Structure formats: structure tokens, C-alpha cells
Protein backbone atom coordinates (compact mmCIF):
# COMPACT_ATOMS: atom_id res chain seq x y z
CA UNK A 1 -6.61 -7.32 31.85
CA UNK A 2 -5.07 -5.57 28.87
CA UNK A 3 -6.37 -2.17 27.77
CA UNK A 4 -8.59 -1.38 24.83
CA UNK A 5 -6.79 1.45 23.03
CA UNK A 6 -7.54 3.60 20.00
CA UNK A 7 -4.67 5.91 19.09
CA UNK A 8 -4.77 8.55 16.38
CA UNK A 9 -1.57 9.31 14.48
CA UNK A 10 -2.09 12.69 12.84
CA UNK A 11 1.28 12.49 11.07
CA UNK A 12 2.21 15.82 9.38
CA UNK A 13 -1.31 17.18 9.24
CA UNK A 14 -3.26 20.06 10.82
CA UNK A 15 -2.12 23.59 11.49
CA UNK A 16 -1.90 24.63 15.12
CA UNK A 17 -5.46 26.01 15.16
CA UNK A 18 -6.86 23.02 13.23
CA UNK A 19 -5.20 20.54 15.57
CA UNK A 20 -6.48 22.28 18.69
CA UNK A 21 -9.99 22.25 17.22
CA UNK A 22 -9.78 18.55 16.30
CA UNK A 23 -8.71 17.67 19.83
CA UNK A 24 -11.57 19.76 21.21
CA UNK A 25 -14.04 17.88 19.02
CA UNK A 26 -12.73 14.48 20.12
CA UNK A 27 -12.92 15.62 23.73
CA UNK A 28 -16.54 16.73 23.23
CA UNK A 29 -17.51 13.46 21.55
CA UNK A 30 -16.19 11.49 24.50
CA UNK A 31 -17.94 13.79 26.96
CA UNK A 32 -21.39 13.89 25.41
CA UNK A 33 -21.77 10.92 23.06
CA UNK A 34 -22.47 7.39 24.22
CA UNK A 35 -20.62 4.32 23.03
CA UNK A 36 -16.95 4.93 23.74
CA UNK A 37 -16.87 3.62 27.27
CA UNK A 38 -13.89 1.56 28.43
CA UNK A 39 -11.54 2.67 25.66
CA UNK A 40 -8.29 4.56 26.27
CA UNK A 41 -7.85 7.21 23.56
CA UNK A 42 -4.46 8.58 22.55
CA UNK A 43 -3.96 11.58 20.27
CA UNK A 44 -0.62 11.41 18.46
CA UNK A 45 -0.14 15.02 17.42
CA UNK A 46 2.70 16.93 15.76
CA UNK A 47 5.11 18.51 18.23
CA UNK A 48 3.59 21.99 17.88
CA UNK A 49 0.25 20.82 19.27
CA UNK A 50 1.40 18.81 22.26
CA UNK A 51 1.33 21.33 25.08
CA UNK A 52 -1.93 23.02 24.07
CA UNK A 53 -3.77 19.77 23.39
CA UNK A 54 -2.49 18.11 26.57
CA UNK A 55 -3.71 21.11 28.56
CA UNK A 56 -7.08 21.34 26.80
CA UNK A 57 -8.32 17.75 26.81
CA UNK A 58 -10.30 17.18 29.97
CA UNK A 59 -11.74 13.71 29.50
CA UNK A 60 -9.80 11.20 31.63
CA UNK A 61 -9.88 8.64 28.79
CA UNK A 62 -7.72 10.87 26.55
CA UNK A 63 -3.95 11.11 26.64
CA UNK A 64 -1.54 12.75 24.22
CA UNK A 65 1.45 11.25 22.39
CA UNK A 66 4.34 12.67 20.44
CA UNK A 67 5.08 11.00 17.11
CA UNK A 68 8.82 10.76 17.75
CA UNK A 69 11.62 11.79 20.09
CA UNK A 70 15.38 12.21 19.89
CA UNK A 71 18.02 9.61 20.73
CA UNK A 72 19.90 12.09 22.91
CA UNK A 73 19.00 13.72 26.22
CA UNK A 74 19.95 17.28 25.25
CA UNK A 75 22.61 19.24 23.43
CA UNK A 76 23.57 20.65 20.04
CA UNK A 77 21.07 18.71 17.94
CA UNK A 78 19.33 21.38 15.87
CA UNK A 79 15.71 20.57 15.13
CA UNK A 80 15.45 17.60 17.50
CA UNK A 81 12.96 17.23 20.35
CA UNK A 82 14.07 15.30 23.44
CA UNK A 83 11.92 12.90 25.42
CA UNK A 84 12.26 15.24 28.38
CA UNK A 85 10.81 18.06 26.29
CA UNK A 86 7.94 15.82 25.20
CA UNK A 87 7.15 14.89 28.80
CA UNK A 88 7.30 18.55 29.86
CA UNK A 89 4.34 19.35 27.58
CA UNK A 90 2.05 16.99 29.48
CA UNK A 91 2.20 14.30 26.81
CA UNK A 92 2.15 10.78 28.28
CA UNK A 93 3.25 8.66 25.30
CA UNK A 94 5.48 8.60 22.25
CA UNK A 95 5.11 6.67 19.00
CA UNK A 96 8.40 5.01 18.01
CA UNK A 97 9.47 2.82 15.11
CA UNK A 98 6.75 3.87 12.69
CA UNK A 99 7.47 2.52 9.22
CA UNK A 100 7.60 6.04 7.81
CA UNK A 101 10.39 6.87 10.25
CA UNK A 102 12.19 3.63 9.42
CA UNK A 103 11.81 4.02 5.64
CA UNK A 104 12.09 7.78 5.06
CA UNK A 105 14.59 8.67 7.78
CA UNK A 106 16.66 5.51 8.09
CA UNK A 107 15.75 4.69 11.68
CA UNK A 108 17.38 1.39 12.60
CA UNK A 109 16.84 -0.87 15.59
CA UNK A 110 20.01 0.58 17.12
CA UNK A 111 18.51 4.07 16.92
CA UNK A 112 15.19 2.87 18.31
CA UNK A 113 16.83 1.21 21.31
CA UNK A 114 18.21 4.64 22.27
CA UNK A 115 14.87 6.36 21.75
CA UNK A 116 13.04 3.75 23.82
CA UNK A 117 15.54 4.28 26.63
CA UNK A 118 15.09 8.05 26.55
CA UNK A 119 11.30 7.68 26.61
CA UNK A 120 11.34 5.33 29.59
CA UNK A 121 13.73 7.62 31.47
CA UNK A 122 11.04 10.29 31.21
CA UNK A 123 8.12 8.05 32.18
CA UNK A 124 6.60 8.08 28.71
CA UNK A 125 4.53 5.15 27.53
CA UNK A 126 5.69 3.78 24.18
CA UNK A 127 3.67 2.76 21.15
CA UNK A 128 6.24 0.66 19.31
CA UNK A 129 5.48 -0.04 15.65
CA UNK A 130 6.45 -3.19 13.76
CA UNK A 131 5.48 -4.49 10.34
CA UNK A 132 6.58 -5.86 7.00
CA UNK A 133 6.65 -4.43 3.47
CA UNK A 134 4.76 -6.12 0.64
CA UNK A 135 7.81 -7.96 -0.71
CA UNK A 136 8.45 -9.49 2.72
CA UNK A 137 4.83 -10.53 3.04
CA UNK A 138 4.76 -12.12 -0.42
CA UNK A 139 8.03 -13.98 0.16
CA UNK A 140 6.77 -15.40 3.46
CA UNK A 141 9.25 -13.48 5.61
CA UNK A 142 6.69 -11.39 7.49
CA UNK A 143 6.93 -13.36 10.74
CA UNK A 144 10.72 -13.32 10.62
CA UNK A 145 10.80 -9.56 10.00
CA UNK A 146 8.39 -8.70 12.81
CA UNK A 147 10.17 -10.99 15.27
CA UNK A 148 13.50 -9.32 14.46
CA UNK A 149 12.03 -5.85 14.95
CA UNK A 150 10.68 -6.83 18.37
CA UNK A 151 13.84 -8.62 19.43
CA UNK A 152 16.26 -5.93 18.31
CA UNK A 153 14.18 -2.94 19.39
CA UNK A 154 12.60 -4.01 22.67
CA UNK A 155 13.91 -7.22 24.17
CA UNK A 156 16.79 -5.55 25.98
CA UNK A 157 14.11 -4.23 28.37
CA UNK A 158 13.26 -5.77 31.70
CA UNK A 159 9.72 -7.08 32.17
CA UNK A 160 9.01 -4.06 34.36
CA UNK A 161 10.12 -1.69 31.59
CA UNK A 162 8.30 -3.67 28.92
CA UNK A 163 5.04 -3.13 30.82
CA UNK A 164 5.12 0.47 29.53
CA UNK A 165 5.11 -0.65 25.89
CA UNK A 166 2.13 -1.01 23.57
CA UNK A 167 2.88 -2.75 20.28
CA UNK A 168 1.33 -1.60 17.00
CA UNK A 169 1.38 -4.00 14.07
CA UNK A 170 1.22 -2.09 10.83
CA UNK A 171 1.62 -4.01 7.58
CA UNK A 172 3.52 -1.38 5.60
CA UNK A 173 1.72 -2.39 2.40
CA UNK A 174 -1.58 -1.32 3.99
CA UNK A 175 -0.59 2.14 5.25
CA UNK A 176 -2.28 4.90 3.27
CA UNK A 177 -2.90 2.55 0.34
CA UNK A 178 -6.53 1.73 0.99
CA UNK A 179 -5.52 -1.91 1.35
CA UNK A 180 -6.17 -3.54 4.69
CA UNK A 181 -4.99 -6.81 6.12
CA UNK A 182 -7.91 -9.19 6.41
CA UNK A 183 -9.16 -9.74 9.95
CA UNK A 184 -7.63 -13.22 9.73
CA UNK A 185 -4.24 -11.84 8.68
CA UNK A 186 -4.34 -9.29 11.49
CA UNK A 187 -5.28 -11.93 14.05
CA UNK A 188 -2.58 -14.31 12.81
CA UNK A 189 0.15 -11.69 13.22
CA UNK A 190 -1.16 -10.36 16.52
CA UNK A 191 -1.26 -13.89 17.95
CA UNK A 192 2.28 -14.43 16.66
CA UNK A 193 3.49 -11.21 18.31
CA UNK A 194 1.91 -12.26 21.59
CA UNK A 195 3.65 -15.64 21.36
CA UNK A 196 7.01 -13.94 20.76
CA UNK A 197 6.46 -11.69 23.79
CA UNK A 198 5.49 -14.76 25.82
CA UNK A 199 8.71 -16.54 24.88
CA UNK A 200 10.73 -13.54 26.07
CA UNK A 201 8.78 -12.40 29.14
CA UNK A 202 6.31 -15.16 29.98
CA UNK A 203 2.64 -15.69 29.28
CA UNK A 204 1.42 -13.37 32.03
CA UNK A 205 3.25 -10.39 30.51
CA UNK A 206 2.11 -11.34 27.02
CA UNK A 207 -1.50 -11.50 28.16
CA UNK A 208 -1.23 -7.96 29.56
CA UNK A 209 0.39 -6.47 26.43
CA UNK A 210 -1.94 -4.43 24.24
CA UNK A 211 -1.34 -4.98 20.52
CA UNK A 212 -2.89 -2.50 18.10
CA UNK A 213 -3.57 -2.84 14.39
CA UNK A 214 -2.48 -0.03 12.09
CA UNK A 215 -3.01 0.02 8.34
CA UNK A 216 -6.01 1.69 6.70
CA UNK A 217 -8.30 0.92 9.63
CA UNK A 218 -11.40 3.08 9.35
CA UNK A 219 -14.97 3.43 10.57
CA UNK A 220 -16.22 0.89 8.01
CA UNK A 221 -13.82 -1.97 8.76
CA UNK A 222 -13.01 -1.36 12.44
CA UNK A 223 -15.75 -3.64 13.79
CA UNK A 224 -14.50 -6.62 11.82
CA UNK A 225 -10.86 -6.04 12.71
CA UNK A 226 -11.53 -5.40 16.40
CA UNK A 227 -13.61 -8.57 16.67
CA UNK A 228 -10.40 -10.62 16.56
CA UNK A 229 -9.30 -11.90 20.00
CA UNK A 230 -5.70 -10.64 19.86
CA UNK A 231 -6.46 -7.23 18.32
CA UNK A 232 -6.68 -4.83 21.26
CA UNK A 233 -7.29 -1.64 19.32
CA UNK A 234 -5.93 0.48 16.51
CA UNK A 235 -3.26 2.97 15.54
CA UNK A 236 -5.33 5.09 13.19
CA UNK A 237 -3.89 7.37 10.51
CA UNK A 238 -6.10 9.23 8.05
CA UNK A 239 -9.35 8.24 9.78
CA UNK A 240 -8.21 10.02 12.95
CA UNK A 241 -8.25 13.42 11.23
CA UNK A 242 -12.05 13.75 11.39
CA UNK A 243 -13.48 13.61 14.89
CA UNK A 244 -16.75 11.94 13.84
CA UNK A 245 -14.94 9.12 11.98
CA UNK A 246 -12.47 8.67 14.82
CA UNK A 247 -15.28 8.40 17.34
CA UNK A 248 -16.96 5.69 15.26
CA UNK A 249 -13.72 3.69 15.50
CA UNK A 250 -13.61 4.25 19.26
CA UNK A 251 -17.18 2.97 19.52
CA UNK A 252 -16.26 -0.08 17.46
CA UNK A 253 -13.44 -0.88 19.89
CA UNK A 254 -15.82 -0.47 22.83
CA UNK A 255 -18.20 -3.02 21.33
CA UNK A 256 -15.64 -5.83 21.32
């Protein structure tokens, strides 16, 4: 049975002290508030927070993720953070392929294949992001684009390796814009992604693959989005920066 997951992507937000406090609040919500049962929670923090947050969260449902890692194992790569370094902090996951990394920093599928390999070598779970821009959606190329991102970025993996991957569908036109894919649009793409995975790895693997929705998902619309049968959770941006809002999203996932 595939996991229900709510992951927060803090992006470039929160000072060290603010991030530690936010993680503490999320931890306390899960400890003392009812309604979040059965949901795996992942906190995708900036690099500076990883070790402290991973050490401080005590609730078994919470794990920590880096938002990126380097293509190389080690060496003279000023400013880069290796997957081994990420794992050494106690983080259990890494977010790869986010549209902001693809668009702002030119990350290609070739680069992502290397990053995925480094993450797996260090026993990190992967949240792998796919999604189309508005022009691709309007021209009817959204399925083609997402299939290519999956094929080029992940389908060199064995089924055993692929079991460590969670897919996050994020329509780029809905990230930080206030626009959200309709529940029907989200379901349509999630079902398509599952069918593509099935073609590559078989239906059993596809049925075990968690697929998250990312794109202006918040406490108000989470229930409707999570009610769709192929939406297994969310990769939450801005709404993950307030513990109370984030917990409402976790509760919404638990209800479905």
C-alpha cells in the first residue's frame, strides 16, 4: 500500500533560528494534536537547518529532506553539497528536479540522472519533481513533457532503485502564482504518471509509487485535491512555512 505523504519545501526561507522553531512547532502539532495519523511528513529545509532539525524532531512520522544535492561525490566544487554530506546530517530524503532548479539553474535530465545516482548511493529517498509550463499545457504538450522528464530522469533505474522514489507533479504555472490545477486536472496527470510508471516497471510497482501534487496547495484546497484517487499527498511550498497551516494540510491528507 502506497504511503500518504505531505512534504514541505521551505525553499530559501527562514533563518537558522526561525527554521528550528518551525520544525519544533510541526513536531509539537504531530505530538499533541489529533488528526494527522497515518501520514508521513517530510520537512524540506535549506542546507543550514538539516542537522539541527533532523536531530530535534522526535515524532516518528517526521523525516527531513534536503532541497538539492551535487552531481559529484566530493572534490573541488566550491559551494556544492554532496549527497554524502546530506546523509551525514541525518536527513533521509532529497528533493530533485524542482522546476525552480530546472528553470533558474539550467538543470537538465543529464544532470538529474547524476544527482539521483548520488542520492541512491547514500540511501537517500528521492522526491523527483516533474511538470509543465503554461505554454506546454495550453499547447497540449503537458503529457509529452512529463513523460519525457520521467523517462530521461528516472527510467535508467532498476525497479529496486525506483522503489526509493516519490514523484511530485507540479504544474509550473501553478507554483507561487495562486493558481491551482483543478482536482480533475491533478487526477488526470497523476493517473497518467502512474500509467507511464506501469509501462516501465509493471502495475505492481506503479501501485506502490506515491505521487504528490505540488502547486499552490494550501489548507483551503487540500481536501478537494487529496480526495482524488491517484493523489497521494502534496509537496507544499508557501503553506508549509506556518506550522498551523501545514498541519491543516496534513490532517486533510489523513482524511482521504
